[in-house]
């Protein structure tokens, strides 16, 4: 679900409302409000089966054993990095098409 007043896509960073003078003209991916949204309304909802989480790594049929043996994978960054790389390289992964659509480099301001 995505709130009808939300837009997902690429946006020119310098043209976003509230961007400080001198903000670079780079495109960024993200969410942007395209209308008023009342306080407390849900902006978007993602089904759990479409999320990549450390919990998913823990239950992974191949990586679960590694997860149990390597404490560094228990934090969000280390664990998610391994899971994202695994899914991106797995040709049969349901996440592969999405992973391959992401930019290889994102310039930071």
PDB file of N, CA and C in Angstrom:
ATOM      1  N   UNK A   1       0.834  -1.183   0.000  1.00  0.00           N
ATOM      2  CA  UNK A   1       0.000   0.000   0.000  1.00  0.00           C
ATOM      3  C   UNK A   1       0.874   1.240   0.000  1.00  0.00           C
ATOM      4  N   UNK A   2       0.520   2.188  -0.820  1.00  0.00           N
ATOM      5  CA  UNK A   2       1.175   3.507  -0.829  1.00  0.00           C
ATOM      6  C   UNK A   2       0.075   4.559  -0.769  1.00  0.00           C
ATOM      7  N   UNK A   3       0.200   5.474   0.163  1.00  0.00           N
ATOM      8  CA  UNK A   3      -0.789   6.551   0.308  1.00  0.00           C
ATOM      9  C   UNK A   3      -0.937   7.271  -1.031  1.00  0.00           C
ATOM     10  N   UNK A   4      -2.158   7.602  -1.424  1.00  0.00           N
ATOM     11  CA  UNK A   4      -2.368   8.254  -2.726  1.00  0.00           C
ATOM     12  C   UNK A   4      -1.651   9.600  -2.882  1.00  0.00           C
ATOM     13  N   UNK A   5      -1.291  10.243  -1.777  1.00  0.00           N
ATOM     14  CA  UNK A   5      -0.575  11.523  -1.870  1.00  0.00           C
ATOM     15  C   UNK A   5       0.937  11.353  -1.738  1.00  0.00           C
ATOM     16  N   UNK A   6       1.420  10.119  -1.940  1.00  0.00           N
ATOM     17  CA  UNK A   6       2.866   9.864  -1.924  1.00  0.00           C
ATOM     18  C   UNK A   6       3.308   9.522  -3.333  1.00  0.00           C
ATOM     19  N   UNK A   7       4.525   9.905  -3.645  1.00  0.00           N
ATOM     20  CA  UNK A   7       5.111   9.581  -4.933  1.00  0.00           C
ATOM     21  C   UNK A   7       6.449   8.894  -4.683  1.00  0.00           C
ATOM     22  N   UNK A   8       6.699   7.815  -5.423  1.00  0.00           N
ATOM     23  CA  UNK A   8       7.962   7.094  -5.331  1.00  0.00           C
ATOM     24  C   UNK A   8       8.682   7.272  -6.657  1.00  0.00           C
ATOM     25  N   UNK A   9       9.969   7.576  -6.590  1.00  0.00           N
ATOM     26  CA  UNK A   9      10.711   7.706  -7.835  1.00  0.00           C
ATOM     27  C   UNK A   9      12.049   8.366  -7.618  1.00  0.00           C
ATOM     28  N   UNK A  10      12.555   8.942  -8.682  1.00  0.00           N
ATOM     29  CA  UNK A  10      13.800   9.702  -8.590  1.00  0.00           C
ATOM     30  C   UNK A  10      13.451  11.184  -8.643  1.00  0.00           C
ATOM     31  N   UNK A  11      14.157  11.950  -7.848  1.00  0.00           N
ATOM     32  CA  UNK A  11      13.874  13.371  -7.731  1.00  0.00           C
ATOM     33  C   UNK A  11      15.183  14.136  -7.796  1.00  0.00           C
ATOM     34  N   UNK A  12      15.134  15.314  -8.369  1.00  0.00           N
ATOM     35  CA  UNK A  12      16.295  16.188  -8.381  1.00  0.00           C
ATOM     36  C   UNK A  12      16.426  16.784  -6.980  1.00  0.00           C
ATOM     37  N   UNK A  13      17.514  16.475  -6.314  1.00  0.00           N
ATOM     38  CA  UNK A  13      17.709  16.859  -4.923  1.00  0.00           C
ATOM     39  C   UNK A  13      17.544  18.360  -4.716  1.00  0.00           C
ATOM     40  N   UNK A  14      18.080  19.146  -5.617  1.00  0.00           N
ATOM     41  CA  UNK A  14      18.035  20.605  -5.457  1.00  0.00           C
ATOM     42  C   UNK A  14      16.633  21.177  -5.617  1.00  0.00           C
ATOM     43  N   UNK A  15      15.704  20.413  -6.222  1.00  0.00           N
ATOM     44  CA  UNK A  15      14.352  20.941  -6.438  1.00  0.00           C
ATOM     45  C   UNK A  15      13.360  20.532  -5.358  1.00  0.00           C
ATOM     46  N   UNK A  16      13.811  19.745  -4.378  1.00  0.00           N
ATOM     47  CA  UNK A  16      12.902  19.321  -3.321  1.00  0.00           C
ATOM     48  C   UNK A  16      12.579  20.497  -2.401  1.00  0.00           C
ATOM     49  N   UNK A  17      11.344  20.582  -1.921  1.00  0.00           N
ATOM     50  CA  UNK A  17      10.981  21.669  -1.012  1.00  0.00           C
ATOM     51  C   UNK A  17      11.886  21.681   0.215  1.00  0.00           C
ATOM     52  N   UNK A  18      12.383  22.848   0.569  1.00  0.00           N
ATOM     53  CA  UNK A  18      13.235  22.987   1.738  1.00  0.00           C
ATOM     54  C   UNK A  18      14.699  22.720   1.477  1.00  0.00           C
ATOM     55  N   UNK A  19      15.063  22.403   0.223  1.00  0.00           N
ATOM     56  CA  UNK A  19      16.479  22.153  -0.089  1.00  0.00           C
ATOM     57  C   UNK A  19      17.253  23.459   0.075  1.00  0.00           C
ATOM     58  N   UNK A  20      18.352  23.419   0.836  1.00  0.00           N
ATOM     59  CA  UNK A  20      19.137  24.637   1.028  1.00  0.00           C
ATOM     60  C   UNK A  20      19.760  25.137  -0.279  1.00  0.00           C
ATOM     61  N   UNK A  21      20.000  26.431  -0.340  1.00  0.00           N
ATOM     62  CA  UNK A  21      20.690  27.009  -1.497  1.00  0.00           C
ATOM     63  C   UNK A  21      22.057  26.333  -1.613  1.00  0.00           C
ATOM     64  N   UNK A  22      22.419  25.974  -2.821  1.00  0.00           N
ATOM     65  CA  UNK A  22      23.692  25.304  -3.052  1.00  0.00           C
ATOM     66  C   UNK A  22      23.596  23.782  -3.034  1.00  0.00           C
ATOM     67  N   UNK A  23      22.375  23.250  -2.844  1.00  0.00           N
ATOM     68  CA  UNK A  23      22.202  21.794  -2.890  1.00  0.00           C
ATOM     69  C   UNK A  23      22.550  21.314  -4.294  1.00  0.00           C
ATOM     70  N   UNK A  24      23.365  20.268  -4.412  1.00  0.00           N
ATOM     71  CA  UNK A  24      23.778  19.805  -5.739  1.00  0.00           C
ATOM     72  C   UNK A  24      22.622  19.279  -6.584  1.00  0.00           C
ATOM     73  N   UNK A  25      22.762  19.397  -7.902  1.00  0.00           N
ATOM     74  CA  UNK A  25      21.764  18.905  -8.845  1.00  0.00           C
ATOM     75  C   UNK A  25      22.005  17.432  -9.134  1.00  0.00           C
ATOM     76  N   UNK A  26      21.696  16.573  -8.170  1.00  0.00           N
ATOM     77  CA  UNK A  26      21.818  15.129  -8.357  1.00  0.00           C
ATOM     78  C   UNK A  26      20.455  14.495  -8.157  1.00  0.00           C
ATOM     79  N   UNK A  27      20.226  13.387  -8.871  1.00  0.00           N
ATOM     80  CA  UNK A  27      18.981  12.659  -8.704  1.00  0.00           C
ATOM     81  C   UNK A  27      19.112  11.691  -7.542  1.00  0.00           C
ATOM     82  N   UNK A  28      18.055  11.602  -6.745  1.00  0.00           N
ATOM     83  CA  UNK A  28      18.007  10.664  -5.625  1.00  0.00           C
ATOM     84  C   UNK A  28      16.719   9.861  -5.738  1.00  0.00           C
ATOM     85  N   UNK A  29      16.764   8.635  -5.232  1.00  0.00           N
ATOM     86  CA  UNK A  29      15.559   7.802  -5.159  1.00  0.00           C
ATOM     87  C   UNK A  29      14.897   8.052  -3.815  1.00  0.00           C
ATOM     88  N   UNK A  30      13.585   8.027  -3.789  1.00  0.00           N
ATOM     89  CA  UNK A  30      12.933   8.187  -2.505  1.00  0.00           C
ATOM     90  C   UNK A  30      11.435   8.359  -2.608  1.00  0.00           C
ATOM     91  N   UNK A  31      10.872   8.833  -1.508  1.00  0.00           N
ATOM     92  CA  UNK A  31       9.446   9.120  -1.386  1.00  0.00           C
ATOM     93  C   UNK A  31       9.268  10.623  -1.292  1.00  0.00           C
ATOM     94  N   UNK A  32       8.188  11.116  -1.861  1.00  0.00           N
ATOM     95  CA  UNK A  32       7.903  12.542  -1.769  1.00  0.00           C
ATOM     96  C   UNK A  32       6.391  12.717  -1.664  1.00  0.00           C
ATOM     97  N   UNK A  33       5.980  13.596  -0.750  1.00  0.00           N
ATOM     98  CA  UNK A  33       4.554  13.908  -0.637  1.00  0.00           C
ATOM     99  C   UNK A  33       4.156  14.773  -1.820  1.00  0.00           C
ATOM    100  N   UNK A  34       3.026  14.432  -2.451  1.00  0.00           N
ATOM    101  CA  UNK A  34       2.544  15.251  -3.566  1.00  0.00           C
ATOM    102  C   UNK A  34       1.223  15.931  -3.211  1.00  0.00           C
ATOM    103  N   UNK A  35       0.895  15.888  -1.927  1.00  0.00           N
ATOM    104  CA  UNK A  35      -0.307  16.529  -1.422  1.00  0.00           C
ATOM    105  C   UNK A  35      -0.329  16.427   0.088  1.00  0.00           C
ATOM    106  N   UNK A  36      -1.358  16.997   0.697  1.00  0.00           N
ATOM    107  CA  UNK A  36      -1.473  16.960   2.149  1.00  0.00           C
ATOM    108  C   UNK A  36      -1.726  15.531   2.640  1.00  0.00           C
ATOM    109  N   UNK A  37      -1.133  15.216   3.778  1.00  0.00           N
ATOM    110  CA  UNK A  37      -1.334  13.919   4.416  1.00  0.00           C
ATOM    111  C   UNK A  37      -1.634  14.189   5.885  1.00  0.00           C
ATOM    112  N   UNK A  38      -2.784  13.704   6.334  1.00  0.00           N
ATOM    113  CA  UNK A  38      -3.175  13.958   7.710  1.00  0.00           C
ATOM    114  C   UNK A  38      -2.288  13.191   8.680  1.00  0.00           C
ATOM    115  N   UNK A  39      -2.017  13.810   9.819  1.00  0.00           N
ATOM    116  CA  UNK A  39      -1.211  13.181  10.860  1.00  0.00           C
ATOM    117  C   UNK A  39      -1.826  11.844  11.256  1.00  0.00           C
ATOM    118  N   UNK A  40      -0.972  10.834  11.375  1.00  0.00           N
ATOM    119  CA  UNK A  40      -1.419   9.521  11.796  1.00  0.00           C
ATOM    120  C   UNK A  40      -1.787   8.577  10.655  1.00  0.00           C
ATOM    121  N   UNK A  41      -1.862   9.089   9.423  1.00  0.00           N
ATOM    122  CA  UNK A  41      -2.191   8.225   8.288  1.00  0.00           C
ATOM    123  C   UNK A  41      -0.985   7.380   7.893  1.00  0.00           C
ATOM    124  N   UNK A  42      -1.239   6.166   7.444  1.00  0.00           N
ATOM    125  CA  UNK A  42      -0.176   5.271   6.984  1.00  0.00           C
ATOM    126  C   UNK A  42       0.320   5.765   5.631  1.00  0.00           C
ATOM    127  N   UNK A  43       1.654   5.930   5.514  1.00  0.00           N
ATOM    128  CA  UNK A  43       2.236   6.385   4.249  1.00  0.00           C
ATOM    129  C   UNK A  43       2.444   5.226   3.293  1.00  0.00           C
ATOM    130  N   UNK A  44       2.983   4.139   3.798  1.00  0.00           N
ATOM    131  CA  UNK A  44       3.137   2.935   2.986  1.00  0.00           C
ATOM    132  C   UNK A  44       3.247   1.733   3.905  1.00  0.00           C
ATOM    133  N   UNK A  45       2.909   0.581   3.374  1.00  0.00           N
ATOM    134  CA  UNK A  45       3.008  -0.670   4.123  1.00  0.00           C
ATOM    135  C   UNK A  45       3.628  -1.720   3.210  1.00  0.00           C
ATOM    136  N   UNK A  46       4.542  -2.483   3.760  1.00  0.00           N
ATOM    137  CA  UNK A  46       5.244  -3.511   2.995  1.00  0.00           C
ATOM    138  C   UNK A  46       4.983  -4.862   3.659  1.00  0.00           C
ATOM    139  N   UNK A  47       4.488  -5.832   2.898  1.00  0.00           N
ATOM    140  CA  UNK A  47       4.284  -7.168   3.481  1.00  0.00           C
ATOM    141  C   UNK A  47       5.619  -7.749   3.955  1.00  0.00           C
ATOM    142  N   UNK A  48       5.584  -8.475   5.054  1.00  0.00           N
ATOM    143  CA  UNK A  48       6.811  -9.003   5.650  1.00  0.00           C
ATOM    144  C   UNK A  48       7.593  -9.897   4.693  1.00  0.00           C
ATOM    145  N   UNK A  49       6.902 -10.639   3.825  1.00  0.00           N
ATOM    146  CA  UNK A  49       7.621 -11.526   2.905  1.00  0.00           C
ATOM    147  C   UNK A  49       8.402 -10.765   1.838  1.00  0.00           C
ATOM    148  N   UNK A  50       8.172  -9.460   1.714  1.00  0.00           N
ATOM    149  CA  UNK A  50       8.920  -8.640   0.757  1.00  0.00           C
ATOM    150  C   UNK A  50      10.041  -7.850   1.417  1.00  0.00           C
ATOM    151  N   UNK A  51      10.289  -8.088   2.688  1.00  0.00           N
ATOM    152  CA  UNK A  51      11.340  -7.378   3.420  1.00  0.00           C
ATOM    153  C   UNK A  51      12.599  -8.231   3.523  1.00  0.00           C
ATOM    154  N   UNK A  52      13.737  -7.576   3.439  1.00  0.00           N
ATOM    155  CA  UNK A  52      15.013  -8.227   3.725  1.00  0.00           C
ATOM    156  C   UNK A  52      15.416  -7.792   5.127  1.00  0.00           C
ATOM    157  N   UNK A  53      15.426  -8.751   6.047  1.00  0.00           N
ATOM    158  CA  UNK A  53      15.723  -8.448   7.446  1.00  0.00           C
ATOM    159  C   UNK A  53      16.746  -9.438   7.993  1.00  0.00           C
ATOM    160  N   UNK A  54      17.364  -9.079   9.110  1.00  0.00           N
ATOM    161  CA  UNK A  54      18.300  -9.986   9.767  1.00  0.00           C
ATOM    162  C   UNK A  54      17.558 -11.257  10.191  1.00  0.00           C
ATOM    163  N   UNK A  55      16.316 -11.140  10.544  1.00  0.00           N
ATOM    164  CA  UNK A  55      15.517 -12.316  10.906  1.00  0.00           C
ATOM    165  C   UNK A  55      15.423 -13.297   9.731  1.00  0.00           C
ATOM    166  N   UNK A  56      15.303 -12.751   8.513  1.00  0.00           N
ATOM    167  CA  UNK A  56      15.259 -13.597   7.323  1.00  0.00           C
ATOM    168  C   UNK A  56      16.601 -14.296   7.123  1.00  0.00           C
ATOM    169  N   UNK A  57      17.698 -13.605   7.432  1.00  0.00           N
ATOM    170  CA  UNK A  57      19.035 -14.206   7.350  1.00  0.00           C
ATOM    171  C   UNK A  57      19.141 -15.371   8.334  1.00  0.00           C
ATOM    172  N   UNK A  58      18.655 -15.158   9.527  1.00  0.00           N
ATOM    173  CA  UNK A  58      18.711 -16.186  10.573  1.00  0.00           C
ATOM    174  C   UNK A  58      17.977 -17.461  10.150  1.00  0.00           C
ATOM    175  N   UNK A  59      16.884 -17.305   9.397  1.00  0.00           N
ATOM    176  CA  UNK A  59      16.083 -18.452   8.983  1.00  0.00           C
ATOM    177  C   UNK A  59      16.449 -18.961   7.585  1.00  0.00           C
ATOM    178  N   UNK A  60      17.425 -18.337   6.932  1.00  0.00           N
ATOM    179  CA  UNK A  60      17.824 -18.701   5.564  1.00  0.00           C
ATOM    180  C   UNK A  60      18.338 -20.142   5.537  1.00  0.00           C
ATOM    181  N   UNK A  61      17.953 -20.886   4.516  1.00  0.00           N
ATOM    182  CA  UNK A  61      18.315 -22.311   4.438  1.00  0.00           C
ATOM    183  C   UNK A  61      19.812 -22.551   4.320  1.00  0.00           C
ATOM    184  N   UNK A  62      20.569 -21.607   3.771  1.00  0.00           N
ATOM    185  CA  UNK A  62      22.022 -21.754   3.672  1.00  0.00           C
ATOM    186  C   UNK A  62      22.777 -20.887   4.678  1.00  0.00           C
ATOM    187  N   UNK A  63      22.297 -19.664   4.878  1.00  0.00           N
ATOM    188  CA  UNK A  63      23.026 -18.704   5.708  1.00  0.00           C
ATOM    189  C   UNK A  63      22.697 -18.800   7.192  1.00  0.00           C
ATOM    190  N   UNK A  64      21.652 -19.537   7.550  1.00  0.00           N
ATOM    191  CA  UNK A  64      21.254 -19.647   8.950  1.00  0.00           C
ATOM    192  C   UNK A  64      22.361 -20.194   9.836  1.00  0.00           C
ATOM    193  N   UNK A  65      23.075 -21.205   9.357  1.00  0.00           N
ATOM    194  CA  UNK A  65      24.182 -21.791  10.118  1.00  0.00           C
ATOM    195  C   UNK A  65      25.307 -20.783  10.298  1.00  0.00           C
ATOM    196  N   UNK A  66      25.629 -20.072   9.233  1.00  0.00           N
ATOM    197  CA  UNK A  66      26.668 -19.034   9.300  1.00  0.00           C
ATOM    198  C   UNK A  66      26.265 -17.946  10.287  1.00  0.00           C
ATOM    199  N   UNK A  67      25.006 -17.556  10.240  1.00  0.00           N
ATOM    200  CA  UNK A  67      24.487 -16.525  11.151  1.00  0.00           C
ATOM    201  C   UNK A  67      24.722 -16.920  12.604  1.00  0.00           C
ATOM    202  N   UNK A  68      24.465 -18.174  12.927  1.00  0.00           N
ATOM    203  CA  UNK A  68      24.617 -18.634  14.313  1.00  0.00           C
ATOM    204  C   UNK A  68      26.071 -18.629  14.768  1.00  0.00           C
ATOM    205  N   UNK A  69      27.001 -18.837  13.837  1.00  0.00           N
ATOM    206  CA  UNK A  69      28.420 -18.934  14.184  1.00  0.00           C
ATOM    207  C   UNK A  69      29.158 -17.592  14.164  1.00  0.00           C
ATOM    208  N   UNK A  70      28.611 -16.583  13.474  1.00  0.00           N
ATOM    209  CA  UNK A  70      29.322 -15.306  13.299  1.00  0.00           C
ATOM    210  C   UNK A  70      28.516 -14.177  13.947  1.00  0.00           C
ATOM    211  N   UNK A  71      28.910 -13.752  15.155  1.00  0.00           N
ATOM    212  CA  UNK A  71      28.149 -12.710  15.865  1.00  0.00           C
ATOM    213  C   UNK A  71      28.078 -11.373  15.120  1.00  0.00           C
ATOM    214  N   UNK A  72      29.050 -11.083  14.259  1.00  0.00           N
ATOM    215  CA  UNK A  72      29.043  -9.823  13.509  1.00  0.00           C
ATOM    216  C   UNK A  72      27.846  -9.731  12.558  1.00  0.00           C
ATOM    217  N   UNK A  73      27.246 -10.862  12.227  1.00  0.00           N
ATOM    218  CA  UNK A  73      26.077 -10.849  11.345  1.00  0.00           C
ATOM    219  C   UNK A  73      24.795 -10.517  12.097  1.00  0.00           C
ATOM    220  N   UNK A  74      24.855 -10.457  13.418  1.00  0.00           N
ATOM    221  CA  UNK A  74      23.659 -10.197  14.220  1.00  0.00           C
ATOM    222  C   UNK A  74      23.268  -8.724  14.215  1.00  0.00           C
ATOM    223  N   UNK A  75      24.190  -7.842  13.840  1.00  0.00           N
ATOM    224  CA  UNK A  75      23.807  -6.429  13.747  1.00  0.00           C
ATOM    225  C   UNK A  75      23.155  -6.185  12.389  1.00  0.00           C
ATOM    226  N   UNK A  76      22.415  -5.125  12.295  1.00  0.00           N
ATOM    227  CA  UNK A  76      21.671  -4.859  11.060  1.00  0.00           C
ATOM    228  C   UNK A  76      22.576  -4.679   9.851  1.00  0.00           C
ATOM    229  N   UNK A  77      23.677  -3.976   9.982  1.00  0.00           N
ATOM    230  CA  UNK A  77      24.521  -3.659   8.832  1.00  0.00           C
ATOM    231  C   UNK A  77      25.223  -4.907   8.290  1.00  0.00           C
ATOM    232  N   UNK A  78      25.924  -5.632   9.136  1.00  0.00           N
ATOM    233  CA  UNK A  78      26.660  -6.812   8.687  1.00  0.00           C
ATOM    234  C   UNK A  78      25.754  -7.891   8.142  1.00  0.00           C
ATOM    235  N   UNK A  79      24.707  -8.193   8.865  1.00  0.00           N
ATOM    236  CA  UNK A  79      23.781  -9.237   8.445  1.00  0.00           C
ATOM    237  C   UNK A  79      23.051  -8.892   7.160  1.00  0.00           C
ATOM    238  N   UNK A  80      22.572  -7.660   7.072  1.00  0.00           N
ATOM    239  CA  UNK A  80      21.854  -7.254   5.865  1.00  0.00           C
ATOM    240  C   UNK A  80      22.775  -7.208   4.654  1.00  0.00           C
ATOM    241  N   UNK A  81      24.019  -6.795   4.847  1.00  0.00           N
ATOM    242  CA  UNK A  81      24.965  -6.751   3.732  1.00  0.00           C
ATOM    243  C   UNK A  81      25.146  -8.146   3.137  1.00  0.00           C
ATOM    244  N   UNK A  82      25.308  -9.144   3.990  1.00  0.00           N
ATOM    245  CA  UNK A  82      25.477 -10.522   3.511  1.00  0.00           C
ATOM    246  C   UNK A  82      24.207 -11.002   2.816  1.00  0.00           C
ATOM    247  N   UNK A  83      23.051 -10.710   3.381  1.00  0.00           N
ATOM    248  CA  UNK A  83      21.789 -11.152   2.789  1.00  0.00           C
ATOM    249  C   UNK A  83      21.551 -10.476   1.440  1.00  0.00           C
ATOM    250  N   UNK A  84      21.803  -9.180   1.354  1.00  0.00           N
ATOM    251  CA  UNK A  84      21.608  -8.446   0.094  1.00  0.00           C
ATOM    252  C   UNK A  84      22.529  -8.992  -0.991  1.00  0.00           C
ATOM    253  N   UNK A  85      23.789  -9.210  -0.658  1.00  0.00           N
ATOM    254  CA  UNK A  85      24.728  -9.761  -1.646  1.00  0.00           C
ATOM    255  C   UNK A  85      24.297 -11.152  -2.090  1.00  0.00           C
ATOM    256  N   UNK A  86      23.863 -11.973  -1.153  1.00  0.00           N
ATOM    257  CA  UNK A  86      23.424 -13.326  -1.482  1.00  0.00           C
ATOM    258  C   UNK A  86      22.225 -13.297  -2.425  1.00  0.00           C
ATOM    259  N   UNK A  87      21.245 -12.461  -2.120  1.00  0.00           N
ATOM    260  CA  UNK A  87      20.042 -12.376  -2.954  1.00  0.00           C
ATOM    261  C   UNK A  87      20.362 -11.780  -4.323  1.00  0.00           C
ATOM    262  N   UNK A  88      21.268 -10.822  -4.386  1.00  0.00           N
ATOM    263  CA  UNK A  88      21.627 -10.204  -5.662  1.00  0.00           C
ATOM    264  C   UNK A  88      22.353 -11.193  -6.573  1.00  0.00           C
ATOM    265  N   UNK A  89      23.138 -12.078  -6.001  1.00  0.00           N
ATOM    266  CA  UNK A  89      23.908 -13.037  -6.794  1.00  0.00           C
ATOM    267  C   UNK A  89      23.126 -14.310  -7.122  1.00  0.00           C
ATOM    268  N   UNK A  90      22.032 -14.549  -6.426  1.00  0.00           N
ATOM    269  CA  UNK A  90      21.225 -15.748  -6.628  1.00  0.00           C
ATOM    270  C   UNK A  90      20.274 -15.535  -7.812  1.00  0.00           C
ATOM    271  N   UNK A  91      20.529 -16.210  -8.910  1.00  0.00           N
ATOM    272  CA  UNK A  91      19.725 -16.020 -10.134  1.00  0.00           C
ATOM    273  C   UNK A  91      18.263 -16.435  -9.969  1.00  0.00           C
ATOM    274  N   UNK A  92      17.950 -17.238  -8.967  1.00  0.00           N
ATOM    275  CA  UNK A  92      16.564 -17.666  -8.762  1.00  0.00           C
ATOM    276  C   UNK A  92      15.861 -16.885  -7.648  1.00  0.00           C
ATOM    277  N   UNK A  93      16.541 -15.907  -7.071  1.00  0.00           N
ATOM    278  CA  UNK A  93      15.960 -15.137  -5.978  1.00  0.00           C
ATOM    279  C   UNK A  93      14.828 -14.249  -6.474  1.00  0.00           C
ATOM    280  N   UNK A  94      13.759 -14.171  -5.703  1.00  0.00           N
ATOM    281  CA  UNK A  94      12.652 -13.268  -6.046  1.00  0.00           C
ATOM    282  C   UNK A  94      13.061 -11.803  -5.867  1.00  0.00           C
ATOM    283  N   UNK A  95      14.181 -11.561  -5.197  1.00  0.00           N
ATOM    284  CA  UNK A  95      14.668 -10.193  -4.993  1.00  0.00           C
ATOM    285  C   UNK A  95      15.658  -9.766  -6.074  1.00  0.00           C
ATOM    286  N   UNK A  96      16.140 -10.695  -6.890  1.00  0.00           N
ATOM    287  CA  UNK A  96      17.211 -10.385  -7.845  1.00  0.00           C
ATOM    288  C   UNK A  96      16.856  -9.255  -8.816  1.00  0.00           C
ATOM    289  N   UNK A  97      15.673  -9.293  -9.401  1.00  0.00           N
ATOM    290  CA  UNK A  97      15.296  -8.257 -10.365  1.00  0.00           C
ATOM    291  C   UNK A  97      15.328  -6.874  -9.710  1.00  0.00           C
ATOM    292  N   UNK A  98      14.820  -6.790  -8.480  1.00  0.00           N
ATOM    293  CA  UNK A  98      14.856  -5.515  -7.755  1.00  0.00           C
ATOM    294  C   UNK A  98      16.295  -5.091  -7.486  1.00  0.00           C
ATOM    295  N   UNK A  99      17.112  -6.022  -7.002  1.00  0.00           N
ATOM    296  CA  UNK A  99      18.513  -5.704  -6.691  1.00  0.00           C
ATOM    297  C   UNK A  99      19.244  -5.196  -7.930  1.00  0.00           C
ATOM    298  N   UNK A 100      18.995  -5.833  -9.060  1.00  0.00           N
ATOM    299  CA  UNK A 100      19.670  -5.444 -10.298  1.00  0.00           C
ATOM    300  C   UNK A 100      19.171  -4.097 -10.819  1.00  0.00           C
ATOM    301  N   UNK A 101      18.001  -3.646 -10.373  1.00  0.00           N
ATOM    302  CA  UNK A 101      17.475  -2.353 -10.817  1.00  0.00           C
ATOM    303  C   UNK A 101      18.076  -1.175 -10.046  1.00  0.00           C
ATOM    304  N   UNK A 102      18.732  -1.478  -8.931  1.00  0.00           N
ATOM    305  CA  UNK A 102      19.308  -0.409  -8.106  1.00  0.00           C
ATOM    306  C   UNK A 102      20.570   0.147  -8.757  1.00  0.00           C
ATOM    307  N   UNK A 103      20.844   1.426  -8.560  1.00  0.00           N
ATOM    308  CA  UNK A 103      22.061   1.994  -9.140  1.00  0.00           C
ATOM    309  C   UNK A 103      23.310   1.381  -8.513  1.00  0.00           C
ATOM    310  N   UNK A 104      24.357   1.267  -9.303  1.00  0.00           N
ATOM    311  CA  UNK A 104      25.614   0.720  -8.786  1.00  0.00           C
ATOM    312  C   UNK A 104      26.345   1.742  -7.936  1.00  0.00           C
ATOM    313  N   UNK A 105      26.093   3.018  -8.181  1.00  0.00           N
ATOM    314  CA  UNK A 105      26.750   4.091  -7.435  1.00  0.00           C
ATOM    315  C   UNK A 105      25.738   5.190  -7.164  1.00  0.00           C
ATOM    316  N   UNK A 106      25.723   5.677  -5.949  1.00  0.00           N
ATOM    317  CA  UNK A 106      24.850   6.789  -5.588  1.00  0.00           C
ATOM    318  C   UNK A 106      25.727   7.901  -5.042  1.00  0.00           C
ATOM    319  N   UNK A 107      25.857   9.008  -5.792  1.00  0.00           N
ATOM    320  CA  UNK A 107      26.688  10.104  -5.272  1.00  0.00           C
ATOM    321  C   UNK A 107      26.021  10.755  -4.075  1.00  0.00           C
ATOM    322  N   UNK A 108      26.808  11.029  -3.078  1.00  0.00           N
ATOM    323  CA  UNK A 108      26.285  11.677  -1.875  1.00  0.00           C
ATOM    324  C   UNK A 108      26.646  13.159  -1.887  1.00  0.00           C
ATOM    325  N   UNK A 109      25.720  13.986  -1.404  1.00  0.00           N
ATOM    326  CA  UNK A 109      26.015  15.435  -1.384  1.00  0.00           C
ATOM    327  C   UNK A 109      27.122  15.767  -0.400  1.00  0.00           C
TER     328      UNK A 109
END
